[in-house]
Each structure stands twice: as structure tokens, then as C-alpha cells.
Amino acid sequence: AKVRLLTDREREILIAIATGWTNPEIAE
């Protein structure tokens, strides 16, 4: 249910967070 609330971009951001990327790394 919670996963379905995420947009495709938000899902991508969550995976990036889980990978350990910082905000600047995600932005780049």
C-alpha cells in the first residue's frame, strides 16, 4: 500500500536513498 503511494520519481529517489546516496549525489 505504501509503495503504491509513491510516484515513479519518488520510488527512484527511495532506491537512491537505500543505496546510500546523499542529496548532492542524487541530484547529480
mmCIF file of all heavy atoms, coordinates in Angstrom:
data_MODEL
# 
_entry.id   MODEL 
# 
loop_
_atom_site.group_PDB 
_atom_site.id 
_atom_site.type_symbol 
_atom_site.label_atom_id 
_atom_site.label_alt_id 
_atom_site.label_comp_id 
_atom_site.label_asym_id 
_atom_site.label_entity_id 
_atom_site.label_seq_id 
_atom_site.pdbx_PDB_ins_code 
_atom_site.Cartn_x 
_atom_site.Cartn_y 
_atom_site.Cartn_z 
_atom_site.occupancy 
_atom_site.B_iso_or_equiv 
_atom_site.pdbx_formal_charge 
_atom_site.auth_seq_id 
_atom_site.auth_comp_id 
_atom_site.auth_asym_id 
_atom_site.auth_atom_id 
_atom_site.pdbx_PDB_model_num 
ATOM 1   N N   . ALA A 1 1  ? 0.820  -1.209 0.000   1.00 0.00 ? 1  ALA A N   1 
ATOM 2   C CA  . ALA A 1 1  ? 0.000  0.000  0.000   1.00 0.00 ? 1  ALA A CA  1 
ATOM 3   C C   . ALA A 1 1  ? 0.853  1.259  0.000   1.00 0.00 ? 1  ALA A C   1 
ATOM 4   O O   . ALA A 1 1  ? 0.610  2.185  -0.773  1.00 0.00 ? 1  ALA A O   1 
ATOM 5   C CB  . ALA A 1 1  ? -0.940 -0.007 1.203   1.00 0.00 ? 1  ALA A CB  1 
ATOM 6   N N   . LYS A 1 2  ? 1.874  1.296  0.846   1.00 0.00 ? 2  LYS A N   1 
ATOM 7   C CA  . LYS A 1 2  ? 2.726  2.484  0.908   1.00 0.00 ? 2  LYS A CA  1 
ATOM 8   C C   . LYS A 1 2  ? 3.526  2.656  -0.381  1.00 0.00 ? 2  LYS A C   1 
ATOM 9   O O   . LYS A 1 2  ? 3.730  3.773  -0.846  1.00 0.00 ? 2  LYS A O   1 
ATOM 10  C CB  . LYS A 1 2  ? 3.665  2.392  2.110   1.00 0.00 ? 2  LYS A CB  1 
ATOM 11  C CG  . LYS A 1 2  ? 2.969  2.576  3.446   1.00 0.00 ? 2  LYS A CG  1 
ATOM 12  C CD  . LYS A 1 2  ? 3.967  2.527  4.577   1.00 0.00 ? 2  LYS A CD  1 
ATOM 13  C CE  . LYS A 1 2  ? 3.281  2.699  5.921   1.00 0.00 ? 2  LYS A CE  1 
ATOM 14  N NZ  . LYS A 1 2  ? 4.255  2.623  7.039   1.00 0.00 ? 2  LYS A NZ  1 
ATOM 15  N N   . VAL A 1 3  ? 4.001  1.568  -0.944  1.00 0.00 ? 3  VAL A N   1 
ATOM 16  C CA  . VAL A 1 3  ? 4.765  1.651  -2.185  1.00 0.00 ? 3  VAL A CA  1 
ATOM 17  C C   . VAL A 1 3  ? 3.914  2.238  -3.299  1.00 0.00 ? 3  VAL A C   1 
ATOM 18  O O   . VAL A 1 3  ? 4.394  3.036  -4.108  1.00 0.00 ? 3  VAL A O   1 
ATOM 19  C CB  . VAL A 1 3  ? 5.290  0.260  -2.594  1.00 0.00 ? 3  VAL A CB  1 
ATOM 20  C CG1 . VAL A 1 3  ? 5.954  0.314  -3.954  1.00 0.00 ? 3  VAL A CG1 1 
ATOM 21  C CG2 . VAL A 1 3  ? 6.282  -0.248 -1.565  1.00 0.00 ? 3  VAL A CG2 1 
ATOM 22  N N   . ARG A 1 4  ? 2.650  1.853  -3.352  1.00 0.00 ? 4  ARG A N   1 
ATOM 23  C CA  . ARG A 1 4  ? 1.761  2.356  -4.407  1.00 0.00 ? 4  ARG A CA  1 
ATOM 24  C C   . ARG A 1 4  ? 1.504  3.844  -4.284  1.00 0.00 ? 4  ARG A C   1 
ATOM 25  O O   . ARG A 1 4  ? 1.062  4.487  -5.248  1.00 0.00 ? 4  ARG A O   1 
ATOM 26  C CB  . ARG A 1 4  ? 0.443  1.583  -4.385  1.00 0.00 ? 4  ARG A CB  1 
ATOM 27  C CG  . ARG A 1 4  ? 0.559  0.141  -4.895  1.00 0.00 ? 4  ARG A CG  1 
ATOM 28  C CD  . ARG A 1 4  ? -0.816 -0.409 -5.248  1.00 0.00 ? 4  ARG A CD  1 
ATOM 29  N NE  . ARG A 1 4  ? -1.690 -0.451 -4.079  1.00 0.00 ? 4  ARG A NE  1 
ATOM 30  C CZ  . ARG A 1 4  ? -1.812 -1.508 -3.273  1.00 0.00 ? 4  ARG A CZ  1 
ATOM 31  N NH1 . ARG A 1 4  ? -1.086 -2.592 -3.500  1.00 0.00 ? 4  ARG A NH1 1 
ATOM 32  N NH2 . ARG A 1 4  ? -2.630 -1.481 -2.248  1.00 0.00 ? 4  ARG A NH2 1 
ATOM 33  N N   . LEU A 1 5  ? 1.754  4.424  -3.113  1.00 0.00 ? 5  LEU A N   1 
ATOM 34  C CA  . LEU A 1 5  ? 1.577  5.863  -2.940  1.00 0.00 ? 5  LEU A CA  1 
ATOM 35  C C   . LEU A 1 5  ? 2.681  6.666  -3.619  1.00 0.00 ? 5  LEU A C   1 
ATOM 36  O O   . LEU A 1 5  ? 2.529  7.849  -3.876  1.00 0.00 ? 5  LEU A O   1 
ATOM 37  C CB  . LEU A 1 5  ? 1.552  6.216  -1.447  1.00 0.00 ? 5  LEU A CB  1 
ATOM 38  C CG  . LEU A 1 5  ? 0.366  5.710  -0.625  1.00 0.00 ? 5  LEU A CG  1 
ATOM 39  C CD1 . LEU A 1 5  ? 0.567  6.054  0.842   1.00 0.00 ? 5  LEU A CD1 1 
ATOM 40  C CD2 . LEU A 1 5  ? -0.942 6.302  -1.144  1.00 0.00 ? 5  LEU A CD2 1 
ATOM 41  N N   . LEU A 1 6  ? 3.796  6.011  -3.897  1.00 0.00 ? 6  LEU A N   1 
ATOM 42  C CA  . LEU A 1 6  ? 4.946  6.713  -4.467  1.00 0.00 ? 6  LEU A CA  1 
ATOM 43  C C   . LEU A 1 6  ? 4.801  6.887  -5.972  1.00 0.00 ? 6  LEU A C   1 
ATOM 44  O O   . LEU A 1 6  ? 4.377  5.971  -6.682  1.00 0.00 ? 6  LEU A O   1 
ATOM 45  C CB  . LEU A 1 6  ? 6.230  5.942  -4.176  1.00 0.00 ? 6  LEU A CB  1 
ATOM 46  C CG  . LEU A 1 6  ? 6.592  5.682  -2.710  1.00 0.00 ? 6  LEU A CG  1 
ATOM 47  C CD1 . LEU A 1 6  ? 7.866  4.851  -2.628  1.00 0.00 ? 6  LEU A CD1 1 
ATOM 48  C CD2 . LEU A 1 6  ? 6.758  6.986  -1.948  1.00 0.00 ? 6  LEU A CD2 1 
ATOM 49  N N   . THR A 1 7  ? 5.191  8.060  -6.463  1.00 0.00 ? 7  THR A N   1 
ATOM 50  C CA  . THR A 1 7  ? 5.296  8.248  -7.900  1.00 0.00 ? 7  THR A CA  1 
ATOM 51  C C   . THR A 1 7  ? 6.537  7.513  -8.400  1.00 0.00 ? 7  THR A C   1 
ATOM 52  O O   . THR A 1 7  ? 7.370  7.066  -7.601  1.00 0.00 ? 7  THR A O   1 
ATOM 53  C CB  . THR A 1 7  ? 5.417  9.734  -8.247  1.00 0.00 ? 7  THR A CB  1 
ATOM 54  O OG1 . THR A 1 7  ? 6.662  10.229 -7.727  1.00 0.00 ? 7  THR A OG1 1 
ATOM 55  C CG2 . THR A 1 7  ? 4.265  10.539 -7.642  1.00 0.00 ? 7  THR A CG2 1 
ATOM 56  N N   . ASP A 1 8  ? 6.677  7.394  -9.709  1.00 0.00 ? 8  ASP A N   1 
ATOM 57  C CA  . ASP A 1 8  ? 7.860  6.738  -10.260 1.00 0.00 ? 8  ASP A CA  1 
ATOM 58  C C   . ASP A 1 8  ? 9.134  7.452  -9.821  1.00 0.00 ? 8  ASP A C   1 
ATOM 59  O O   . ASP A 1 8  ? 10.130 6.806  -9.476  1.00 0.00 ? 8  ASP A O   1 
ATOM 60  C CB  . ASP A 1 8  ? 7.787  6.710  -11.787 1.00 0.00 ? 8  ASP A CB  1 
ATOM 61  C CG  . ASP A 1 8  ? 6.730  5.741  -12.305 1.00 0.00 ? 8  ASP A CG  1 
ATOM 62  O OD1 . ASP A 1 8  ? 6.285  4.870  -11.522 1.00 0.00 ? 8  ASP A OD1 1 
ATOM 63  O OD2 . ASP A 1 8  ? 6.346  5.858  -13.483 1.00 0.00 ? 8  ASP A OD2 1 
ATOM 64  N N   . ARG A 1 9  ? 9.105  8.772  -9.822  1.00 0.00 ? 9  ARG A N   1 
ATOM 65  C CA  . ARG A 1 9  ? 10.283 9.534  -9.405  1.00 0.00 ? 9  ARG A CA  1 
ATOM 66  C C   . ARG A 1 9  ? 10.572 9.313  -7.930  1.00 0.00 ? 9  ARG A C   1 
ATOM 67  O O   . ARG A 1 9  ? 11.729 9.152  -7.522  1.00 0.00 ? 9  ARG A O   1 
ATOM 68  C CB  . ARG A 1 9  ? 10.087 11.021 -9.688  1.00 0.00 ? 9  ARG A CB  1 
ATOM 69  C CG  . ARG A 1 9  ? 11.208 11.925 -9.172  1.00 0.00 ? 9  ARG A CG  1 
ATOM 70  C CD  . ARG A 1 9  ? 12.533 11.582 -9.850  1.00 0.00 ? 9  ARG A CD  1 
ATOM 71  N NE  . ARG A 1 9  ? 12.639 12.229 -11.149 1.00 0.00 ? 9  ARG A NE  1 
ATOM 72  C CZ  . ARG A 1 9  ? 13.660 12.066 -11.980 1.00 0.00 ? 9  ARG A CZ  1 
ATOM 73  N NH1 . ARG A 1 9  ? 14.648 11.234 -11.646 1.00 0.00 ? 9  ARG A NH1 1 
ATOM 74  N NH2 . ARG A 1 9  ? 13.702 12.696 -13.146 1.00 0.00 ? 9  ARG A NH2 1 
ATOM 75  N N   . GLU A 1 10 ? 9.530  9.308  -7.084  1.00 0.00 ? 10 GLU A N   1 
ATOM 76  C CA  . GLU A 1 10 ? 9.727  9.092  -5.652  1.00 0.00 ? 10 GLU A CA  1 
ATOM 77  C C   . GLU A 1 10 ? 10.257 7.693  -5.369  1.00 0.00 ? 10 GLU A C   1 
ATOM 78  O O   . GLU A 1 10 ? 11.083 7.501  -4.475  1.00 0.00 ? 10 GLU A O   1 
ATOM 79  C CB  . GLU A 1 10 ? 8.412  9.338  -4.913  1.00 0.00 ? 10 GLU A CB  1 
ATOM 80  C CG  . GLU A 1 10 ? 8.007  10.812 -4.880  1.00 0.00 ? 10 GLU A CG  1 
ATOM 81  C CD  . GLU A 1 10 ? 6.571  11.030 -4.456  1.00 0.00 ? 10 GLU A CD  1 
ATOM 82  O OE1 . GLU A 1 10 ? 5.816  10.031 -4.345  1.00 0.00 ? 10 GLU A OE1 1 
ATOM 83  O OE2 . GLU A 1 10 ? 6.189  12.186 -4.246  1.00 0.00 ? 10 GLU A OE2 1 
ATOM 84  N N   . ARG A 1 11 ? 9.796  6.728  -6.128  1.00 0.00 ? 11 ARG A N   1 
ATOM 85  C CA  . ARG A 1 11 ? 10.312 5.367  -5.986  1.00 0.00 ? 11 ARG A CA  1 
ATOM 86  C C   . ARG A 1 11 ? 11.803 5.341  -6.334  1.00 0.00 ? 11 ARG A C   1 
ATOM 87  O O   . ARG A 1 11 ? 12.599 4.684  -5.654  1.00 0.00 ? 11 ARG A O   1 
ATOM 88  C CB  . ARG A 1 11 ? 9.525  4.437  -6.911  1.00 0.00 ? 11 ARG A CB  1 
ATOM 89  C CG  . ARG A 1 11 ? 9.829  2.962  -6.768  1.00 0.00 ? 11 ARG A CG  1 
ATOM 90  C CD  . ARG A 1 11 ? 9.039  2.183  -7.812  1.00 0.00 ? 11 ARG A CD  1 
ATOM 91  N NE  . ARG A 1 11 ? 9.262  0.760  -7.726  1.00 0.00 ? 11 ARG A NE  1 
ATOM 92  C CZ  . ARG A 1 11 ? 8.479  -0.083 -7.086  1.00 0.00 ? 11 ARG A CZ  1 
ATOM 93  N NH1 . ARG A 1 11 ? 7.409  0.360  -6.469  1.00 0.00 ? 11 ARG A NH1 1 
ATOM 94  N NH2 . ARG A 1 11 ? 8.755  -1.378 -7.064  1.00 0.00 ? 11 ARG A NH2 1 
ATOM 95  N N   . GLU A 1 12 ? 12.166 6.064  -7.382  1.00 0.00 ? 12 GLU A N   1 
ATOM 96  C CA  . GLU A 1 12 ? 13.558 6.165  -7.794  1.00 0.00 ? 12 GLU A CA  1 
ATOM 97  C C   . GLU A 1 12 ? 14.398 6.828  -6.696  1.00 0.00 ? 12 GLU A C   1 
ATOM 98  O O   . GLU A 1 12 ? 15.519 6.402  -6.407  1.00 0.00 ? 12 GLU A O   1 
ATOM 99  C CB  . GLU A 1 12 ? 13.639 6.970  -9.088  1.00 0.00 ? 12 GLU A CB  1 
ATOM 100 C CG  . GLU A 1 12 ? 14.965 6.941  -9.789  1.00 0.00 ? 12 GLU A CG  1 
ATOM 101 C CD  . GLU A 1 12 ? 14.926 7.666  -11.116 1.00 0.00 ? 12 GLU A CD  1 
ATOM 102 O OE1 . GLU A 1 12 ? 14.029 8.526  -11.316 1.00 0.00 ? 12 GLU A OE1 1 
ATOM 103 O OE2 . GLU A 1 12 ? 15.795 7.391  -11.965 1.00 0.00 ? 12 GLU A OE2 1 
ATOM 104 N N   . ILE A 1 13 ? 13.836 7.862  -6.084  1.00 0.00 ? 13 ILE A N   1 
ATOM 105 C CA  . ILE A 1 13 ? 14.527 8.559  -5.001  1.00 0.00 ? 13 ILE A CA  1 
ATOM 106 C C   . ILE A 1 13 ? 14.716 7.624  -3.811  1.00 0.00 ? 13 ILE A C   1 
ATOM 107 O O   . ILE A 1 13 ? 15.789 7.593  -3.188  1.00 0.00 ? 13 ILE A O   1 
ATOM 108 C CB  . ILE A 1 13 ? 13.733 9.806  -4.568  1.00 0.00 ? 13 ILE A CB  1 
ATOM 109 C CG1 . ILE A 1 13 ? 13.712 10.864 -5.680  1.00 0.00 ? 13 ILE A CG1 1 
ATOM 110 C CG2 . ILE A 1 13 ? 14.307 10.397 -3.277  1.00 0.00 ? 13 ILE A CG2 1 
ATOM 111 C CD1 . ILE A 1 13 ? 15.038 11.534 -5.950  1.00 0.00 ? 13 ILE A CD1 1 
ATOM 112 N N   . LEU A 1 14 ? 13.694 6.834  -3.478  1.00 0.00 ? 14 LEU A N   1 
ATOM 113 C CA  . LEU A 1 14 ? 13.795 5.906  -2.355  1.00 0.00 ? 14 LEU A CA  1 
ATOM 114 C C   . LEU A 1 14 ? 14.903 4.884  -2.598  1.00 0.00 ? 14 LEU A C   1 
ATOM 115 O O   . LEU A 1 14 ? 15.680 4.572  -1.694  1.00 0.00 ? 14 LEU A O   1 
ATOM 116 C CB  . LEU A 1 14 ? 12.458 5.203  -2.123  1.00 0.00 ? 14 LEU A CB  1 
ATOM 117 C CG  . LEU A 1 14 ? 12.437 4.127  -1.020  1.00 0.00 ? 14 LEU A CG  1 
ATOM 118 C CD1 . LEU A 1 14 ? 12.900 4.702  0.313   1.00 0.00 ? 14 LEU A CD1 1 
ATOM 119 C CD2 . LEU A 1 14 ? 11.043 3.524  -0.894  1.00 0.00 ? 14 LEU A CD2 1 
ATOM 120 N N   . ILE A 1 15 ? 14.981 4.368  -3.807  1.00 0.00 ? 15 ILE A N   1 
ATOM 121 C CA  . ILE A 1 15 ? 16.046 3.414  -4.128  1.00 0.00 ? 15 ILE A CA  1 
ATOM 122 C C   . ILE A 1 15 ? 17.408 4.074  -4.003  1.00 0.00 ? 15 ILE A C   1 
ATOM 123 O O   . ILE A 1 15 ? 18.368 3.476  -3.499  1.00 0.00 ? 15 ILE A O   1 
ATOM 124 C CB  . ILE A 1 15 ? 15.836 2.840  -5.544  1.00 0.00 ? 15 ILE A CB  1 
ATOM 125 C CG1 . ILE A 1 15 ? 14.569 1.979  -5.585  1.00 0.00 ? 15 ILE A CG1 1 
ATOM 126 C CG2 . ILE A 1 15 ? 17.049 2.017  -5.977  1.00 0.00 ? 15 ILE A CG2 1 
ATOM 127 C CD1 . ILE A 1 15 ? 14.174 1.528  -6.967  1.00 0.00 ? 15 ILE A CD1 1 
ATOM 128 N N   . ALA A 1 16 ? 17.509 5.327  -4.430  1.00 0.00 ? 16 ALA A N   1 
ATOM 129 C CA  . ALA A 1 16 ? 18.768 6.054  -4.321  1.00 0.00 ? 16 ALA A CA  1 
ATOM 130 C C   . ALA A 1 16 ? 19.157 6.258  -2.857  1.00 0.00 ? 16 ALA A C   1 
ATOM 131 O O   . ALA A 1 16 ? 20.333 6.116  -2.481  1.00 0.00 ? 16 ALA A O   1 
ATOM 132 C CB  . ALA A 1 16 ? 18.660 7.409  -5.030  1.00 0.00 ? 16 ALA A CB  1 
ATOM 133 N N   . ILE A 1 17 ? 18.180 6.569  -2.012  1.00 0.00 ? 17 ILE A N   1 
ATOM 134 C CA  . ILE A 1 17 ? 18.438 6.719  -0.582  1.00 0.00 ? 17 ILE A CA  1 
ATOM 135 C C   . ILE A 1 17 ? 18.946 5.404  -0.004  1.00 0.00 ? 17 ILE A C   1 
ATOM 136 O O   . ILE A 1 17 ? 19.910 5.363  0.760   1.00 0.00 ? 17 ILE A O   1 
ATOM 137 C CB  . ILE A 1 17 ? 17.159 7.167  0.159   1.00 0.00 ? 17 ILE A CB  1 
ATOM 138 C CG1 . ILE A 1 17 ? 16.757 8.580  -0.251  1.00 0.00 ? 17 ILE A CG1 1 
ATOM 139 C CG2 . ILE A 1 17 ? 17.362 7.102  1.680   1.00 0.00 ? 17 ILE A CG2 1 
ATOM 140 C CD1 . ILE A 1 17 ? 15.409 9.015  0.300   1.00 0.00 ? 17 ILE A CD1 1 
ATOM 141 N N   . ALA A 1 18 ? 18.294 4.309  -0.393  1.00 0.00 ? 18 ALA A N   1 
ATOM 142 C CA  . ALA A 1 18 ? 18.671 2.992  0.114   1.00 0.00 ? 18 ALA A CA  1 
ATOM 143 C C   . ALA A 1 18 ? 20.064 2.593  -0.348  1.00 0.00 ? 18 ALA A C   1 
ATOM 144 O O   . ALA A 1 18 ? 20.752 1.819  0.320   1.00 0.00 ? 18 ALA A O   1 
ATOM 145 C CB  . ALA A 1 18 ? 17.644 1.947  -0.323  1.00 0.00 ? 18 ALA A CB  1 
ATOM 146 N N   . THR A 1 19 ? 20.480 3.117  -1.490  1.00 0.00 ? 19 THR A N   1 
ATOM 147 C CA  . THR A 1 19 ? 21.818 2.850  -1.997  1.00 0.00 ? 19 THR A CA  1 
ATOM 148 C C   . THR A 1 19 ? 22.875 3.580  -1.178  1.00 0.00 ? 19 THR A C   1 
ATOM 149 O O   . THR A 1 19 ? 24.045 3.208  -1.181  1.00 0.00 ? 19 THR A O   1 
ATOM 150 C CB  . THR A 1 19 ? 21.914 3.281  -3.478  1.00 0.00 ? 19 THR A CB  1 
ATOM 151 O OG1 . THR A 1 19 ? 20.927 2.571  -4.230  1.00 0.00 ? 19 THR A OG1 1 
ATOM 152 C CG2 . THR A 1 19 ? 23.282 2.984  -4.060  1.00 0.00 ? 19 THR A CG2 1 
ATOM 153 N N   . GLY A 1 20 ? 22.450 4.625  -0.465  1.00 0.00 ? 20 GLY A N   1 
ATOM 154 C CA  . GLY A 1 20 ? 23.373 5.382  0.358   1.00 0.00 ? 20 GLY A CA  1 
ATOM 155 C C   . GLY A 1 20 ? 23.810 6.687  -0.257  1.00 0.00 ? 20 GLY A C   1 
ATOM 156 O O   . GLY A 1 20 ? 24.742 7.332  0.223   1.00 0.00 ? 20 GLY A O   1 
ATOM 157 N N   . TRP A 1 21 ? 23.132 7.113  -1.326  1.00 0.00 ? 21 TRP A N   1 
ATOM 158 C CA  . TRP A 1 21 ? 23.499 8.371  -1.966  1.00 0.00 ? 21 TRP A CA  1 
ATOM 159 C C   . TRP A 1 21 ? 23.038 9.559  -1.121  1.00 0.00 ? 21 TRP A C   1 
ATOM 160 O O   . TRP A 1 21 ? 21.954 9.552  -0.535  1.00 0.00 ? 21 TRP A O   1 
ATOM 161 C CB  . TRP A 1 21 ? 22.856 8.483  -3.341  1.00 0.00 ? 21 TRP A CB  1 
ATOM 162 C CG  . TRP A 1 21 ? 23.369 7.499  -4.343  1.00 0.00 ? 21 TRP A CG  1 
ATOM 163 C CD1 . TRP A 1 21 ? 24.396 6.609  -4.190  1.00 0.00 ? 21 TRP A CD1 1 
ATOM 164 C CD2 . TRP A 1 21 ? 22.859 7.284  -5.666  1.00 0.00 ? 21 TRP A CD2 1 
ATOM 165 N NE1 . TRP A 1 21 ? 24.556 5.867  -5.318  1.00 0.00 ? 21 TRP A NE1 1 
ATOM 166 C CE2 . TRP A 1 21 ? 23.637 6.249  -6.247  1.00 0.00 ? 21 TRP A CE2 1 
ATOM 167 C CE3 . TRP A 1 21 ? 21.832 7.857  -6.408  1.00 0.00 ? 21 TRP A CE3 1 
ATOM 168 C CZ2 . TRP A 1 21 ? 23.417 5.786  -7.539  1.00 0.00 ? 21 TRP A CZ2 1 
ATOM 169 C CZ3 . TRP A 1 21 ? 21.601 7.401  -7.691  1.00 0.00 ? 21 TRP A CZ3 1 
ATOM 170 C CH2 . TRP A 1 21 ? 22.381 6.383  -8.252  1.00 0.00 ? 21 TRP A CH2 1 
ATOM 171 N N   . THR A 1 22 ? 23.860 10.588 -1.069  1.00 0.00 ? 22 THR A N   1 
ATOM 172 C CA  . THR A 1 22 ? 23.498 11.845 -0.423  1.00 0.00 ? 22 THR A CA  1 
ATOM 173 C C   . THR A 1 22 ? 22.625 12.653 -1.374  1.00 0.00 ? 22 THR A C   1 
ATOM 174 O O   . THR A 1 22 ? 22.526 12.340 -2.571  1.00 0.00 ? 22 THR A O   1 
ATOM 175 C CB  . THR A 1 22 ? 24.739 12.657 -0.066  1.00 0.00 ? 22 THR A CB  1 
ATOM 176 O OG1 . THR A 1 22 ? 25.436 12.995 -1.281  1.00 0.00 ? 22 THR A OG1 1 
ATOM 177 C CG2 . THR A 1 22 ? 25.681 11.864 0.847   1.00 0.00 ? 22 THR A CG2 1 
ATOM 178 N N   . ASN A 1 23 ? 22.013 13.734 -0.874  1.00 0.00 ? 23 ASN A N   1 
ATOM 179 C CA  . ASN A 1 23 ? 21.203 14.591 -1.747  1.00 0.00 ? 23 ASN A CA  1 
ATOM 180 C C   . ASN A 1 23 ? 22.008 15.141 -2.928  1.00 0.00 ? 23 ASN A C   1 
ATOM 181 O O   . ASN A 1 23 ? 21.517 15.131 -4.066  1.00 0.00 ? 23 ASN A O   1 
ATOM 182 C CB  . ASN A 1 23 ? 20.577 15.730 -0.942  1.00 0.00 ? 23 ASN A CB  1 
ATOM 183 C CG  . ASN A 1 23 ? 19.370 15.267 -0.152  1.00 0.00 ? 23 ASN A CG  1 
ATOM 184 O OD1 . ASN A 1 23 ? 19.030 14.083 -0.166  1.00 0.00 ? 23 ASN A OD1 1 
ATOM 185 N ND2 . ASN A 1 23 ? 18.724 16.184 0.553   1.00 0.00 ? 23 ASN A ND2 1 
ATOM 186 N N   . PRO A 1 24 ? 23.238 15.643 -2.717  1.00 0.00 ? 24 PRO A N   1 
ATOM 187 C CA  . PRO A 1 24 ? 24.019 16.117 -3.871  1.00 0.00 ? 24 PRO A CA  1 
ATOM 188 C C   . PRO A 1 24 ? 24.299 15.016 -4.891  1.00 0.00 ? 24 PRO A C   1 
ATOM 189 O O   . PRO A 1 24 ? 24.272 15.256 -6.104  1.00 0.00 ? 24 PRO A O   1 
ATOM 190 C CB  . PRO A 1 24 ? 25.315 16.630 -3.237  1.00 0.00 ? 24 PRO A CB  1 
ATOM 191 C CG  . PRO A 1 24 ? 24.914 17.029 -1.854  1.00 0.00 ? 24 PRO A CG  1 
ATOM 192 C CD  . PRO A 1 24 ? 23.898 16.000 -1.450  1.00 0.00 ? 24 PRO A CD  1 
ATOM 193 N N   . GLU A 1 25 ? 24.560 13.798 -4.397  1.00 0.00 ? 25 GLU A N   1 
ATOM 194 C CA  . GLU A 1 25 ? 24.807 12.682 -5.321  1.00 0.00 ? 25 GLU A CA  1 
ATOM 195 C C   . GLU A 1 25 ? 23.555 12.334 -6.107  1.00 0.00 ? 25 GLU A C   1 
ATOM 196 O O   . GLU A 1 25 ? 23.614 12.072 -7.315  1.00 0.00 ? 25 GLU A O   1 
ATOM 197 C CB  . GLU A 1 25 ? 25.294 11.460 -4.547  1.00 0.00 ? 25 GLU A CB  1 
ATOM 198 C CG  . GLU A 1 25 ? 26.707 11.596 -4.013  1.00 0.00 ? 25 GLU A CG  1 
ATOM 199 C CD  . GLU A 1 25 ? 27.112 10.432 -3.122  1.00 0.00 ? 25 GLU A CD  1 
ATOM 200 O OE1 . GLU A 1 25 ? 26.252 9.883  -2.416  1.00 0.00 ? 25 GLU A OE1 1 
ATOM 201 O OE2 . GLU A 1 25 ? 28.306 10.080 -3.139  1.00 0.00 ? 25 GLU A OE2 1 
ATOM 202 N N   . ILE A 1 26 ? 22.403 12.339 -5.427  1.00 0.00 ? 26 ILE A N   1 
ATOM 203 C CA  . ILE A 1 26 ? 21.148 12.063 -6.128  1.00 0.00 ? 26 ILE A CA  1 
ATOM 204 C C   . ILE A 1 26 ? 20.882 13.132 -7.182  1.00 0.00 ? 26 ILE A C   1 
ATOM 205 O O   . ILE A 1 26 ? 20.493 12.833 -8.315  1.00 0.00 ? 26 ILE A O   1 
ATOM 206 C CB  . ILE A 1 26 ? 19.969 12.003 -5.132  1.00 0.00 ? 26 ILE A CB  1 
ATOM 207 C CG1 . ILE A 1 26 ? 20.141 10.824 -4.162  1.00 0.00 ? 26 ILE A CG1 1 
ATOM 208 C CG2 . ILE A 1 26 ? 18.634 11.864 -5.876  1.00 0.00 ? 26 ILE A CG2 1 
ATOM 209 C CD1 . ILE A 1 26 ? 19.109 10.783 -3.058  1.00 0.00 ? 26 ILE A CD1 1 
ATOM 210 N N   . ALA A 1 27 ? 21.112 14.387 -6.804  1.00 0.00 ? 27 ALA A N   1 
ATOM 211 C CA  . ALA A 1 27 ? 20.883 15.491 -7.734  1.00 0.00 ? 27 ALA A CA  1 
ATOM 212 C C   . ALA A 1 27 ? 21.752 15.353 -8.986  1.00 0.00 ? 27 ALA A C   1 
ATOM 213 O O   . ALA A 1 27 ? 21.274 15.513 -10.116 1.00 0.00 ? 27 ALA A O   1 
ATOM 214 C CB  . ALA A 1 27 ? 21.174 16.824 -7.039  1.00 0.00 ? 27 ALA A CB  1 
ATOM 215 N N   . GLU A 1 28 ? 23.016 15.016 -8.776  1.00 0.00 ? 28 GLU A N   1 
ATOM 216 C CA  . GLU A 1 28 ? 23.938 14.900 -9.910  1.00 0.00 ? 28 GLU A CA  1 
ATOM 217 C C   . GLU A 1 28 ? 23.568 13.722 -10.809 1.00 0.00 ? 28 GLU A C   1 
ATOM 218 O O   . GLU A 1 28 ? 23.531 13.852 -12.043 1.00 0.00 ? 28 GLU A O   1 
ATOM 219 C CB  . GLU A 1 28 ? 25.365 14.732 -9.393  1.00 0.00 ? 28 GLU A CB  1 
ATOM 220 C CG  . GLU A 1 28 ? 26.399 14.564 -10.501 1.00 0.00 ? 28 GLU A CG  1 
ATOM 221 C CD  . GLU A 1 28 ? 27.804 14.371 -9.966  1.00 0.00 ? 28 GLU A CD  1 
ATOM 222 O OE1 . GLU A 1 28 ? 27.977 14.423 -8.720  1.00 0.00 ? 28 GLU A OE1 1 
ATOM 223 O OE2 . GLU A 1 28 ? 28.725 14.155 -10.783 1.00 0.00 ? 28 GLU A OE2 1 
# 
